[in-house]
Amino acid sequence: MDNDVILSQFDAIDEKVEALLAQCANLKAANTRLKSRIEIMEREIRAKSEAELKYNEKKELIREKINHVIERLNHYSEVETL
């Protein structure tokens, strides 16, 4: 084999290795961005879950208060009819 052919083959290999290294760096950067996005989304999910829990607690408290008022009104109307 001619030295020029061998050198050109090494150059081609070197170019492919450089392309692979660049692709690897791009994939690492994309992976970092995706991990960051996952963390943000997990925090958002936790916040929404906590907000939903608080909403349900408030809803239950309101339901209890309404039921208490209804019971008082029913009791009052029972007393009035006696």
C-alpha atoms as a PDB file:
ATOM      1  CA  MET A   1       0.000   0.000   0.000  1.00  0.00           C
ATOM      2  CA  ASP A   2       1.098   3.466  -0.752  1.00  0.00           C
ATOM      3  CA  ASN A   3       1.815   5.796   2.168  1.00  0.00           C
ATOM      4  CA  ASP A   4      -0.594   8.358   0.753  1.00  0.00           C
ATOM      5  CA  VAL A   5      -3.427   5.816   0.808  1.00  0.00           C
ATOM      6  CA  ILE A   6      -2.626   4.824   4.379  1.00  0.00           C
ATOM      7  CA  LEU A   7      -2.437   8.466   5.469  1.00  0.00           C
ATOM      8  CA  SER A   8      -5.740   9.254   3.777  1.00  0.00           C
ATOM      9  CA  GLN A   9      -7.354   6.289   5.533  1.00  0.00           C
ATOM     10  CA  PHE A  10      -6.054   7.571   8.878  1.00  0.00           C
ATOM     11  CA  ASP A  11      -7.379  11.014   8.019  1.00  0.00           C
ATOM     12  CA  ALA A  12     -10.785   9.511   7.258  1.00  0.00           C
ATOM     13  CA  ILE A  13     -10.719   7.583  10.534  1.00  0.00           C
ATOM     14  CA  ASP A  14      -9.655  10.738  12.378  1.00  0.00           C
ATOM     15  CA  GLU A  15     -12.573  12.669  10.850  1.00  0.00           C
ATOM     16  CA  LYS A  16     -15.014   9.952  11.869  1.00  0.00           C
ATOM     17  CA  VAL A  17     -13.622   9.908  15.418  1.00  0.00           C
ATOM     18  CA  GLU A  18     -13.959  13.702  15.604  1.00  0.00           C
ATOM     19  CA  ALA A  19     -17.548  13.454  14.383  1.00  0.00           C
ATOM     20  CA  LEU A  20     -18.296  10.786  16.984  1.00  0.00           C
ATOM     21  CA  LEU A  21     -16.721  12.884  19.745  1.00  0.00           C
ATOM     22  CA  ALA A  22     -18.769  15.903  18.673  1.00  0.00           C
ATOM     23  CA  GLN A  23     -21.923  13.791  18.601  1.00  0.00           C
ATOM     24  CA  CYS A  24     -21.083  12.420  22.040  1.00  0.00           C
ATOM     25  CA  ALA A  25     -20.647  15.958  23.395  1.00  0.00           C
ATOM     26  CA  ASN A  26     -23.964  17.002  21.843  1.00  0.00           C
ATOM     27  CA  LEU A  27     -25.713  13.987  23.347  1.00  0.00           C
ATOM     28  CA  LYS A  28     -24.215  14.707  26.777  1.00  0.00           C
ATOM     29  CA  ALA A  29     -25.438  18.293  26.575  1.00  0.00           C
ATOM     30  CA  ALA A  30     -28.898  17.122  25.485  1.00  0.00           C
ATOM     31  CA  ASN A  31     -28.924  14.574  28.315  1.00  0.00           C
ATOM     32  CA  THR A  32     -28.053  17.302  30.828  1.00  0.00           C
ATOM     33  CA  ARG A  33     -30.854  19.512  29.501  1.00  0.00           C
ATOM     34  CA  LEU A  34     -33.321  16.619  29.646  1.00  0.00           C
ATOM     35  CA  LYS A  35     -32.317  15.733  33.218  1.00  0.00           C
ATOM     36  CA  SER A  36     -32.796  19.352  34.200  1.00  0.00           C
ATOM     37  CA  ARG A  37     -36.212  19.415  32.532  1.00  0.00           C
ATOM     38  CA  ILE A  38     -37.180  16.208  34.345  1.00  0.00           C
ATOM     39  CA  GLU A  39     -36.211  17.758  37.683  1.00  0.00           C
ATOM     40  CA  ILE A  40     -38.274  20.863  36.898  1.00  0.00           C
ATOM     41  CA  MET A  41     -41.265  18.753  35.876  1.00  0.00           C
ATOM     42  CA  GLU A  42     -40.972  16.593  39.007  1.00  0.00           C
ATOM     43  CA  ARG A  43     -40.981  19.757  41.154  1.00  0.00           C
ATOM     44  CA  GLU A  44     -44.021  21.013  39.247  1.00  0.00           C
ATOM     45  CA  ILE A  45     -45.799  17.705  39.800  1.00  0.00           C
ATOM     46  CA  ARG A  46     -45.008  17.797  43.535  1.00  0.00           C
ATOM     47  CA  ALA A  47     -46.267  21.389  43.752  1.00  0.00           C
ATOM     48  CA  LYS A  48     -49.463  20.509  41.897  1.00  0.00           C
ATOM     49  CA  SER A  49     -50.002  17.449  44.073  1.00  0.00           C
ATOM     50  CA  GLU A  50     -49.589  19.559  47.195  1.00  0.00           C
ATOM     51  CA  ALA A  51     -51.957  22.189  45.799  1.00  0.00           C
ATOM     52  CA  GLU A  52     -54.503  19.498  44.975  1.00  0.00           C
ATOM     53  CA  LEU A  53     -54.219  18.088  48.479  1.00  0.00           C
ATOM     54  CA  LYS A  54     -54.756  21.538  50.000  1.00  0.00           C
ATOM     55  CA  TYR A  55     -57.701  22.112  47.655  1.00  0.00           C
ATOM     56  CA  ASN A  56     -59.278  18.820  48.704  1.00  0.00           C
ATOM     57  CA  GLU A  57     -58.722  19.649  52.374  1.00  0.00           C
ATOM     58  CA  LYS A  58     -60.405  23.039  51.916  1.00  0.00           C
ATOM     59  CA  LYS A  59     -63.217  21.418  49.959  1.00  0.00           C
ATOM     60  CA  GLU A  60     -63.773  18.901  52.755  1.00  0.00           C
ATOM     61  CA  LEU A  61     -63.721  21.649  55.384  1.00  0.00           C
ATOM     62  CA  ILE A  62     -66.306  23.637  53.428  1.00  0.00           C
ATOM     63  CA  ARG A  63     -68.436  20.504  53.016  1.00  0.00           C
ATOM     64  CA  GLU A  64     -68.267  19.898  56.781  1.00  0.00           C
ATOM     65  CA  LYS A  65     -69.250  23.491  57.522  1.00  0.00           C
ATOM     66  CA  ILE A  66     -72.163  23.333  55.083  1.00  0.00           C
ATOM     67  CA  ASN A  67     -73.335  20.051  56.594  1.00  0.00           C
ATOM     68  CA  HIS A  68     -73.093  21.594  60.059  1.00  0.00           C
ATOM     69  CA  VAL A  69     -75.180  24.592  58.974  1.00  0.00           C
ATOM     70  CA  ILE A  70     -77.749  22.278  57.343  1.00  0.00           C
ATOM     71  CA  GLU A  71     -77.933  20.217  60.535  1.00  0.00           C
ATOM     72  CA  ARG A  72     -78.461  23.371  62.574  1.00  0.00           C
ATOM     73  CA  LEU A  73     -81.169  24.555  60.192  1.00  0.00           C
ATOM     74  CA  ASN A  74     -82.853  21.143  60.272  1.00  0.00           C
ATOM     75  CA  HIS A  75     -82.693  21.129  64.051  1.00  0.00           C
ATOM     76  CA  TYR A  76     -84.079  24.667  64.157  1.00  0.00           C
ATOM     77  CA  SER A  77     -86.936  23.776  61.824  1.00  0.00           C
ATOM     78  CA  GLU A  78     -87.700  20.677  63.934  1.00  0.00           C
ATOM     79  CA  VAL A  79     -87.826  22.819  67.078  1.00  0.00           C
ATOM     80  CA  GLU A  80     -90.066  25.370  65.341  1.00  0.00           C
ATOM     81  CA  THR A  81     -92.563  22.710  64.266  1.00  0.00           C
ATOM     82  CA  LEU A  82     -92.913  21.387  67.801  1.00  0.00           C
END
